[in-house]
PDB file of all heavy atoms in Angstrom:
ATOM      1  N   ARG A   1     -17.882-125.682 -12.129  1.00  0.00           N
ATOM      2  CA  ARG A   1     -18.149-126.280 -13.449  1.00  0.00           C
ATOM      3  C   ARG A   1     -16.882-126.895 -14.040  1.00  0.00           C
ATOM      4  O   ARG A   1     -16.924-127.966 -14.665  1.00  0.00           O
ATOM      5  CB  ARG A   1     -18.725-125.220 -14.367  1.00  0.00           C
ATOM      6  CG  ARG A   1     -19.082-125.745 -15.743  1.00  0.00           C
ATOM      7  CD  ARG A   1     -19.687-124.658 -16.611  1.00  0.00           C
ATOM      8  NE  ARG A   1     -20.047-125.190 -17.919  1.00  0.00           N
ATOM      9  CZ  ARG A   1     -20.582-124.472 -18.900  1.00  0.00           C
ATOM     10  NH1 ARG A   1     -20.817-123.182 -18.706  1.00  0.00           N
ATOM     11  NH2 ARG A   1     -20.862-125.022 -20.066  1.00  0.00           N
ATOM     12  N   GLU A   2     -15.759-126.235 -13.821  1.00  0.00           N
ATOM     13  CA  GLU A   2     -14.507-126.703 -14.406  1.00  0.00           C
ATOM     14  C   GLU A   2     -14.046-128.012 -13.773  1.00  0.00           C
ATOM     15  O   GLU A   2     -13.509-128.891 -14.450  1.00  0.00           O
ATOM     16  CB  GLU A   2     -13.411-125.646 -14.229  1.00  0.00           C
ATOM     17  CG  GLU A   2     -13.666-124.338 -14.962  1.00  0.00           C
ATOM     18  CD  GLU A   2     -14.808-123.525 -14.355  1.00  0.00           C
ATOM     19  OE1 GLU A   2     -15.056-123.648 -13.122  1.00  0.00           O
ATOM     20  OE2 GLU A   2     -15.463-122.789 -15.127  1.00  0.00           O
ATOM     21  N   ARG A   3     -14.269-128.164 -12.476  1.00  0.00           N
ATOM     22  CA  ARG A   3     -13.745-129.335 -11.762  1.00  0.00           C
ATOM     23  C   ARG A   3     -14.692-130.527 -11.820  1.00  0.00           C
ATOM     24  O   ARG A   3     -14.274-131.649 -12.096  1.00  0.00           O
ATOM     25  CB  ARG A   3     -13.465-128.952 -10.293  1.00  0.00           C
ATOM     26  CG  ARG A   3     -12.681-130.003  -9.517  1.00  0.00           C
ATOM     27  CD  ARG A   3     -12.267-129.471  -8.169  1.00  0.00           C
ATOM     28  NE  ARG A   3     -13.396-129.255  -7.281  1.00  0.00           N
ATOM     29  CZ  ARG A   3     -13.972-130.228  -6.558  1.00  0.00           C
ATOM     30  NH1 ARG A   3     -13.534-131.455  -6.637  1.00  0.00           N
ATOM     31  NH2 ARG A   3     -14.989-129.942  -5.766  1.00  0.00           N
ATOM     32  N   VAL A   4     -15.976-130.307 -11.542  1.00  0.00           N
ATOM     33  CA  VAL A   4     -16.950-131.413 -11.512  1.00  0.00           C
ATOM     34  C   VAL A   4     -18.227-130.950 -12.227  1.00  0.00           C
ATOM     35  O   VAL A   4     -19.222-130.603 -11.588  1.00  0.00           O
ATOM     36  CB  VAL A   4     -17.253-131.869 -10.064  1.00  0.00           C
ATOM     37  CG1 VAL A   4     -16.168-132.770  -9.523  1.00  0.00           C
ATOM     38  CG2 VAL A   4     -17.449-130.663  -9.142  1.00  0.00           C
ATOM     39  N   PRO A   5     -18.218-130.932 -13.560  1.00  0.00           N
ATOM     40  CA  PRO A   5     -19.323-130.324 -14.309  1.00  0.00           C
ATOM     41  C   PRO A   5     -20.697-130.921 -14.037  1.00  0.00           C
ATOM     42  O   PRO A   5     -21.684-130.183 -13.995  1.00  0.00           O
ATOM     43  CB  PRO A   5     -18.904-130.518 -15.772  1.00  0.00           C
ATOM     44  CG  PRO A   5     -17.859-131.592 -15.742  1.00  0.00           C
ATOM     45  CD  PRO A   5     -17.163-131.452 -14.449  1.00  0.00           C
ATOM     46  N   LEU A   6     -20.803-132.232 -13.851  1.00  0.00           N
ATOM     47  CA  LEU A   6     -22.130-132.819 -13.647  1.00  0.00           C
ATOM     48  C   LEU A   6     -22.669-132.536 -12.250  1.00  0.00           C
ATOM     49  O   LEU A   6     -23.878-132.331 -12.070  1.00  0.00           O
ATOM     50  CB  LEU A   6     -22.095-134.324 -13.926  1.00  0.00           C
ATOM     51  CG  LEU A   6     -21.988-134.684 -15.418  1.00  0.00           C
ATOM     52  CD1 LEU A   6     -21.975-136.201 -15.592  1.00  0.00           C
ATOM     53  CD2 LEU A   6     -23.118-134.074 -16.235  1.00  0.00           C
ATOM     54  N   GLN A   7     -21.799-132.536 -11.238  1.00  0.00           N
ATOM     55  CA  GLN A   7     -22.259-132.143  -9.897  1.00  0.00           C
ATOM     56  C   GLN A   7     -22.683-130.676  -9.877  1.00  0.00           C
ATOM     57  O   GLN A   7     -23.662-130.309  -9.229  1.00  0.00           O
ATOM     58  CB  GLN A   7     -21.156-132.387  -8.852  1.00  0.00           C
ATOM     59  CG  GLN A   7     -20.982-133.846  -8.482  1.00  0.00           C
ATOM     60  CD  GLN A   7     -19.830-134.461  -9.267  1.00  0.00           C
ATOM     61  OE1 GLN A   7     -19.655-134.179 -10.453  1.00  0.00           O
ATOM     62  NE2 GLN A   7     -19.056-135.300  -8.610  1.00  0.00           N
ATOM     63  N   TRP A   8     -21.925-129.858 -10.587  1.00  0.00           N
ATOM     64  CA  TRP A   8     -22.273-128.434 -10.717  1.00  0.00           C
ATOM     65  C   TRP A   8     -23.650-128.292 -11.356  1.00  0.00           C
ATOM     66  O   TRP A   8     -24.500-127.536 -10.871  1.00  0.00           O
ATOM     67  CB  TRP A   8     -21.203-127.739 -11.552  1.00  0.00           C
ATOM     68  CG  TRP A   8     -21.470-126.303 -11.892  1.00  0.00           C
ATOM     69  CD1 TRP A   8     -21.203-125.213 -11.110  1.00  0.00           C
ATOM     70  CD2 TRP A   8     -22.052-125.805 -13.105  1.00  0.00           C
ATOM     71  NE1 TRP A   8     -21.592-124.059 -11.765  1.00  0.00           N
ATOM     72  CE2 TRP A   8     -22.116-124.397 -12.986  1.00  0.00           C
ATOM     73  CE3 TRP A   8     -22.530-126.398 -14.266  1.00  0.00           C
ATOM     74  CZ2 TRP A   8     -22.627-123.585 -14.000  1.00  0.00           C
ATOM     75  CZ3 TRP A   8     -23.044-125.603 -15.274  1.00  0.00           C
ATOM     76  CH2 TRP A   8     -23.091-124.204 -15.137  1.00  0.00           C
ATOM     77  N   ALA A   9     -23.887-129.038 -12.428  1.00  0.00           N
ATOM     78  CA  ALA A   9     -25.175-128.964 -13.117  1.00  0.00           C
ATOM     79  C   ALA A   9     -26.311-129.483 -12.237  1.00  0.00           C
ATOM     80  O   ALA A   9     -27.410-128.906 -12.225  1.00  0.00           O
ATOM     81  CB  ALA A   9     -25.110-129.760 -14.418  1.00  0.00           C
ATOM     82  N   MET A  10     -26.068-130.579 -11.515  1.00  0.00           N
ATOM     83  CA  MET A  10     -27.082-131.104 -10.602  1.00  0.00           C
ATOM     84  C   MET A  10     -27.470-130.054  -9.574  1.00  0.00           C
ATOM     85  O   MET A  10     -28.662-129.855  -9.282  1.00  0.00           O
ATOM     86  CB  MET A  10     -26.540-132.347  -9.884  1.00  0.00           C
ATOM     87  CG  MET A  10     -27.429-132.900  -8.784  1.00  0.00           C
ATOM     88  SD  MET A  10     -26.598-134.165  -7.794  1.00  0.00           S
ATOM     89  CE  MET A  10     -25.435-133.171  -6.839  1.00  0.00           C
ATOM     90  N   THR A  11     -26.480-129.354  -9.041  1.00  0.00           N
ATOM     91  CA  THR A  11     -26.749-128.355  -8.015  1.00  0.00           C
ATOM     92  C   THR A  11     -27.446-127.142  -8.610  1.00  0.00           C
ATOM     93  O   THR A  11     -28.310-126.524  -7.968  1.00  0.00           O
ATOM     94  CB  THR A  11     -25.440-127.954  -7.310  1.00  0.00           C
ATOM     95  OG1 THR A  11     -24.767-129.146  -6.869  1.00  0.00           O
ATOM     96  CG2 THR A  11     -25.711-127.076  -6.102  1.00  0.00           C
ATOM     97  N   GLN A  12     -27.099-126.766  -9.832  1.00  0.00           N
ATOM     98  CA  GLN A  12     -27.818-125.683 -10.507  1.00  0.00           C
ATOM     99  C   GLN A  12     -29.296-126.049 -10.665  1.00  0.00           C
ATOM    100  O   GLN A  12     -30.188-125.215 -10.469  1.00  0.00           O
ATOM    101  CB  GLN A  12     -27.202-125.405 -11.883  1.00  0.00           C
ATOM    102  CG  GLN A  12     -25.845-124.722 -11.866  1.00  0.00           C
ATOM    103  CD  GLN A  12     -25.932-123.228 -11.567  1.00  0.00           C
ATOM    104  OE1 GLN A  12     -27.002-122.690 -11.279  1.00  0.00           O
ATOM    105  NE2 GLN A  12     -24.800-122.546 -11.600  1.00  0.00           N
ATOM    106  N   ASN A  13     -29.567-127.298 -11.025  1.00  0.00           N
ATOM    107  CA  ASN A  13     -30.953-127.747 -11.150  1.00  0.00           C
ATOM    108  C   ASN A  13     -31.681-127.649  -9.808  1.00  0.00           C
ATOM    109  O   ASN A  13     -32.815-127.169  -9.729  1.00  0.00           O
ATOM    110  CB  ASN A  13     -30.981-129.187 -11.656  1.00  0.00           C
ATOM    111  CG  ASN A  13     -32.391-129.728 -11.798  1.00  0.00           C
ATOM    112  OD1 ASN A  13     -33.092-129.441 -12.757  1.00  0.00           O
ATOM    113  ND2 ASN A  13     -32.820-130.518 -10.825  1.00  0.00           N
ATOM    114  N   ASN A  14     -31.026-128.113  -8.746  1.00  0.00           N
ATOM    115  CA  ASN A  14     -31.651-128.061  -7.423  1.00  0.00           C
ATOM    116  C   ASN A  14     -31.827-126.624  -6.939  1.00  0.00           C
ATOM    117  O   ASN A  14     -32.818-126.300  -6.273  1.00  0.00           O
ATOM    118  CB  ASN A  14     -30.823-128.872  -6.419  1.00  0.00           C
ATOM    119  CG  ASN A  14     -30.865-130.367  -6.734  1.00  0.00           C
ATOM    120  OD1 ASN A  14     -31.680-130.825  -7.526  1.00  0.00           O
ATOM    121  ND2 ASN A  14     -29.975-131.121  -6.108  1.00  0.00           N
ATOM    122  N   LEU A  15     -30.878-125.756  -7.278  1.00  0.00           N
ATOM    123  CA  LEU A  15     -31.022-124.328  -6.975  1.00  0.00           C
ATOM    124  C   LEU A  15     -32.242-123.776  -7.705  1.00  0.00           C
ATOM    125  O   LEU A  15     -33.036-123.010  -7.132  1.00  0.00           O
ATOM    126  CB  LEU A  15     -29.759-123.581  -7.399  1.00  0.00           C
ATOM    127  CG  LEU A  15     -29.804-122.051  -7.321  1.00  0.00           C
ATOM    128  CD1 LEU A  15     -30.046-121.578  -5.888  1.00  0.00           C
ATOM    129  CD2 LEU A  15     -28.508-121.456  -7.870  1.00  0.00           C
ATOM    130  N   GLY A  16     -32.397-124.153  -8.962  1.00  0.00           N
ATOM    131  CA  GLY A  16     -33.568-123.717  -9.714  1.00  0.00           C
ATOM    132  C   GLY A  16     -34.867-124.149  -9.060  1.00  0.00           C
ATOM    133  O   GLY A  16     -35.835-123.375  -8.990  1.00  0.00           O
ATOM    134  N   ASN A  17     -34.900-125.384  -8.544  1.00  0.00           N
ATOM    135  CA  ASN A  17     -36.102-125.864  -7.862  1.00  0.00           C
ATOM    136  C   ASN A  17     -36.461-124.988  -6.664  1.00  0.00           C
ATOM    137  O   ASN A  17     -37.624-124.622  -6.460  1.00  0.00           O
ATOM    138  CB  ASN A  17     -35.910-127.307  -7.399  1.00  0.00           C
ATOM    139  CG  ASN A  17     -35.876-128.299  -8.538  1.00  0.00           C
ATOM    140  OD1 ASN A  17     -36.316-128.004  -9.644  1.00  0.00           O
ATOM    141  ND2 ASN A  17     -35.331-129.474  -8.280  1.00  0.00           N
ATOM    142  N   ALA A  18     -35.452-124.672  -5.848  1.00  0.00           N
ATOM    143  CA  ALA A  18     -35.700-123.865  -4.654  1.00  0.00           C
ATOM    144  C   ALA A  18     -36.154-122.450  -5.034  1.00  0.00           C
ATOM    145  O   ALA A  18     -37.088-121.898  -4.440  1.00  0.00           O
ATOM    146  CB  ALA A  18     -34.451-123.819  -3.781  1.00  0.00           C
ATOM    147  N   LEU A  19     -35.503-121.861  -6.034  1.00  0.00           N
ATOM    148  CA  LEU A  19     -35.864-120.507  -6.470  1.00  0.00           C
ATOM    149  C   LEU A  19     -37.259-120.473  -7.080  1.00  0.00           C
ATOM    150  O   LEU A  19     -38.016-119.524  -6.869  1.00  0.00           O
ATOM    151  CB  LEU A  19     -34.835-120.009  -7.483  1.00  0.00           C
ATOM    152  CG  LEU A  19     -33.473-119.619  -6.897  1.00  0.00           C
ATOM    153  CD1 LEU A  19     -32.438-119.522  -8.011  1.00  0.00           C
ATOM    154  CD2 LEU A  19     -33.566-118.306  -6.131  1.00  0.00           C
ATOM    155  N   TRP A  20     -37.599-121.504  -7.841  1.00  0.00           N
ATOM    156  CA  TRP A  20     -38.924-121.553  -8.456  1.00  0.00           C
ATOM    157  C   TRP A  20     -40.015-121.660  -7.395  1.00  0.00           C
ATOM    158  O   TRP A  20     -41.030-120.967  -7.455  1.00  0.00           O
ATOM    159  CB  TRP A  20     -38.994-122.729  -9.427  1.00  0.00           C
ATOM    160  CG  TRP A  20     -40.349-122.942 -10.017  1.00  0.00           C
ATOM    161  CD1 TRP A  20     -41.182-121.981 -10.510  1.00  0.00           C
ATOM    162  CD2 TRP A  20     -41.029-124.184 -10.171  1.00  0.00           C
ATOM    163  NE1 TRP A  20     -42.349-122.566 -10.979  1.00  0.00           N
ATOM    164  CE2 TRP A  20     -42.273-123.917 -10.779  1.00  0.00           C
ATOM    165  CE3 TRP A  20     -40.703-125.509  -9.882  1.00  0.00           C
ATOM    166  CZ2 TRP A  20     -43.197-124.921 -11.080  1.00  0.00           C
ATOM    167  CZ3 TRP A  20     -41.612-126.504 -10.187  1.00  0.00           C
ATOM    168  CH2 TRP A  20     -42.845-126.203 -10.772  1.00  0.00           C
ATOM    169  N   THR A  21     -39.791-122.526  -6.396  1.00  0.00           N
ATOM    170  CA  THR A  21     -40.781-122.670  -5.327  1.00  0.00           C
ATOM    171  C   THR A  21     -40.970-121.346  -4.591  1.00  0.00           C
ATOM    172  O   THR A  21     -42.098-120.933  -4.291  1.00  0.00           O
ATOM    173  CB  THR A  21     -40.361-123.770  -4.341  1.00  0.00           C
ATOM    174  OG1 THR A  21     -40.077-124.974  -5.061  1.00  0.00           O
ATOM    175  CG2 THR A  21     -41.468-124.048  -3.331  1.00  0.00           C
ATOM    176  N   LEU A  22     -39.862-120.656  -4.313  1.00  0.00           N
ATOM    177  CA  LEU A  22     -39.941-119.334  -3.680  1.00  0.00           C
ATOM    178  C   LEU A  22     -40.665-118.337  -4.585  1.00  0.00           C
ATOM    179  O   LEU A  22     -41.523-117.572  -4.130  1.00  0.00           O
ATOM    180  CB  LEU A  22     -38.530-118.816  -3.387  1.00  0.00           C
ATOM    181  CG  LEU A  22     -37.994-118.928  -1.964  1.00  0.00           C
ATOM    182  CD1 LEU A  22     -36.565-118.402  -1.915  1.00  0.00           C
ATOM    183  CD2 LEU A  22     -38.870-118.189  -0.964  1.00  0.00           C
ATOM    184  N   GLY A  23     -40.309-118.361  -5.859  1.00  0.00           N
ATOM    185  CA  GLY A  23     -40.893-117.413  -6.800  1.00  0.00           C
ATOM    186  C   GLY A  23     -42.383-117.576  -6.965  1.00  0.00           C
ATOM    187  O   GLY A  23     -43.107-116.593  -7.182  1.00  0.00           O
ATOM    188  N   GLU A  24     -42.877-118.799  -6.867  1.00  0.00           N
ATOM    189  CA  GLU A  24     -44.320-119.023  -6.953  1.00  0.00           C
ATOM    190  C   GLU A  24     -45.060-118.375  -5.792  1.00  0.00           C
ATOM    191  O   GLU A  24     -46.211-117.960  -5.928  1.00  0.00           O
ATOM    192  CB  GLU A  24     -44.613-120.526  -6.959  1.00  0.00           C
ATOM    193  CG  GLU A  24     -44.299-121.204  -8.280  1.00  0.00           C
ATOM    194  CD  GLU A  24     -44.827-122.620  -8.311  1.00  0.00           C
ATOM    195  OE1 GLU A  24     -44.515-123.382  -7.371  1.00  0.00           O
ATOM    196  OE2 GLU A  24     -45.546-122.976  -9.247  1.00  0.00           O
ATOM    197  N   ARG A  25     -44.387-118.309  -4.635  1.00  0.00           N
ATOM    198  CA  ARG A  25     -45.027-117.780  -3.429  1.00  0.00           C
ATOM    199  C   ARG A  25     -44.895-116.274  -3.300  1.00  0.00           C
ATOM    200  O   ARG A  25     -45.656-115.642  -2.571  1.00  0.00           O
ATOM    201  CB  ARG A  25     -44.424-118.445  -2.187  1.00  0.00           C
ATOM    202  CG  ARG A  25     -44.711-119.938  -2.116  1.00  0.00           C
ATOM    203  CD  ARG A  25     -44.082-120.544  -0.885  1.00  0.00           C
ATOM    204  NE  ARG A  25     -44.293-121.989  -0.862  1.00  0.00           N
ATOM    205  CZ  ARG A  25     -43.800-122.792   0.075  1.00  0.00           C
ATOM    206  NH1 ARG A  25     -43.083-122.278   1.058  1.00  0.00           N
ATOM    207  NH2 ARG A  25     -44.027-124.080   0.030  1.00  0.00           N
ATOM    208  N   GLU A  26     -43.900-115.708  -3.933  1.00  0.00           N
ATOM    209  CA  GLU A  26     -43.657-114.276  -3.816  1.00  0.00           C
ATOM    210  C   GLU A  26     -44.261-113.525  -4.997  1.00  0.00           C
ATOM    211  O   GLU A  26     -44.512-114.104  -6.062  1.00  0.00           O
ATOM    212  CB  GLU A  26     -42.142-114.007  -3.758  1.00  0.00           C
ATOM    213  CG  GLU A  26     -41.453-114.616  -2.552  1.00  0.00           C
ATOM    214  CD  GLU A  26     -39.957-114.392  -2.558  1.00  0.00           C
ATOM    215  OE1 GLU A  26     -39.429-113.961  -3.622  1.00  0.00           O
ATOM    216  OE2 GLU A  26     -39.313-114.639  -1.538  1.00  0.00           O
ATOM    217  N   SER A  27     -44.488-112.254  -4.806  1.00  0.00           N
ATOM    218  CA  SER A  27     -44.914-111.409  -5.929  1.00  0.00           C
ATOM    219  C   SER A  27     -43.682-111.021  -6.727  1.00  0.00           C
ATOM    220  O   SER A  27     -42.551-111.200  -6.296  1.00  0.00           O
ATOM    221  CB  SER A  27     -45.634-110.165  -5.413  1.00  0.00           C
ATOM    222  OG  SER A  27     -44.773-109.415  -4.577  1.00  0.00           O
ATOM    223  N   GLY A  28     -43.891-110.520  -7.908  1.00  0.00           N
ATOM    224  CA  GLY A  28     -42.765-110.118  -8.731  1.00  0.00           C
ATOM    225  C   GLY A  28     -42.208-111.289  -9.525  1.00  0.00           C
ATOM    226  O   GLY A  28     -42.743-112.405  -9.507  1.00  0.00           O
ATOM    227  N   THR A  29     -41.106-111.043 -10.206  1.00  0.00           N
ATOM    228  CA  THR A  29     -40.539-112.049 -11.104  1.00  0.00           C
ATOM    229  C   THR A  29     -39.064-112.340 -10.853  1.00  0.00           C
ATOM    230  O   THR A  29     -38.480-113.188 -11.540  1.00  0.00           O
ATOM    231  CB  THR A  29     -40.692-111.582 -12.556  1.00  0.00           C
ATOM    232  OG1 THR A  29     -39.989-110.336 -12.736  1.00  0.00           O
ATOM    233  CG2 THR A  29     -42.151-111.389 -12.931  1.00  0.00           C
ATOM    234  N   ALA A  30     -38.457-111.674  -9.883  1.00  0.00           N
ATOM    235  CA  ALA A  30     -37.006-111.796  -9.696  1.00  0.00           C
ATOM    236  C   ALA A  30     -36.574-113.234  -9.444  1.00  0.00           C
ATOM    237  O   ALA A  30     -35.636-113.751 -10.072  1.00  0.00           O
ATOM    238  CB  ALA A  30     -36.554-110.892  -8.555  1.00  0.00           C
ATOM    239  N   ARG A  31     -37.246-113.910  -8.503  1.00  0.00           N
ATOM    240  CA  ARG A  31     -36.865-115.292  -8.168  1.00  0.00           C
ATOM    241  C   ARG A  31     -37.086-116.223  -9.359  1.00  0.00           C
ATOM    242  O   ARG A  31     -36.295-117.132  -9.602  1.00  0.00           O
ATOM    243  CB  ARG A  31     -37.695-115.792  -6.993  1.00  0.00           C
ATOM    244  CG  ARG A  31     -37.544-115.017  -5.721  1.00  0.00           C
ATOM    245  CD  ARG A  31     -36.232-115.296  -5.030  1.00  0.00           C
ATOM    246  NE  ARG A  31     -36.277-114.841  -3.649  1.00  0.00           N
ATOM    247  CZ  ARG A  31     -35.307-115.012  -2.763  1.00  0.00           C
ATOM    248  NH1 ARG A  31     -34.205-115.618  -3.103  1.00  0.00           N
ATOM    249  NH2 ARG A  31     -35.450-114.561  -1.528  1.00  0.00           N
TER     250      ARG A  31
END
């Protein structure tokens, strides 16, 4: 975040996408 804040944010968004897709398929709420 300190070095390249927008790339960091873009990757956080993409991480969220992957976790959300996994979370929809799994039981529970952790993902």
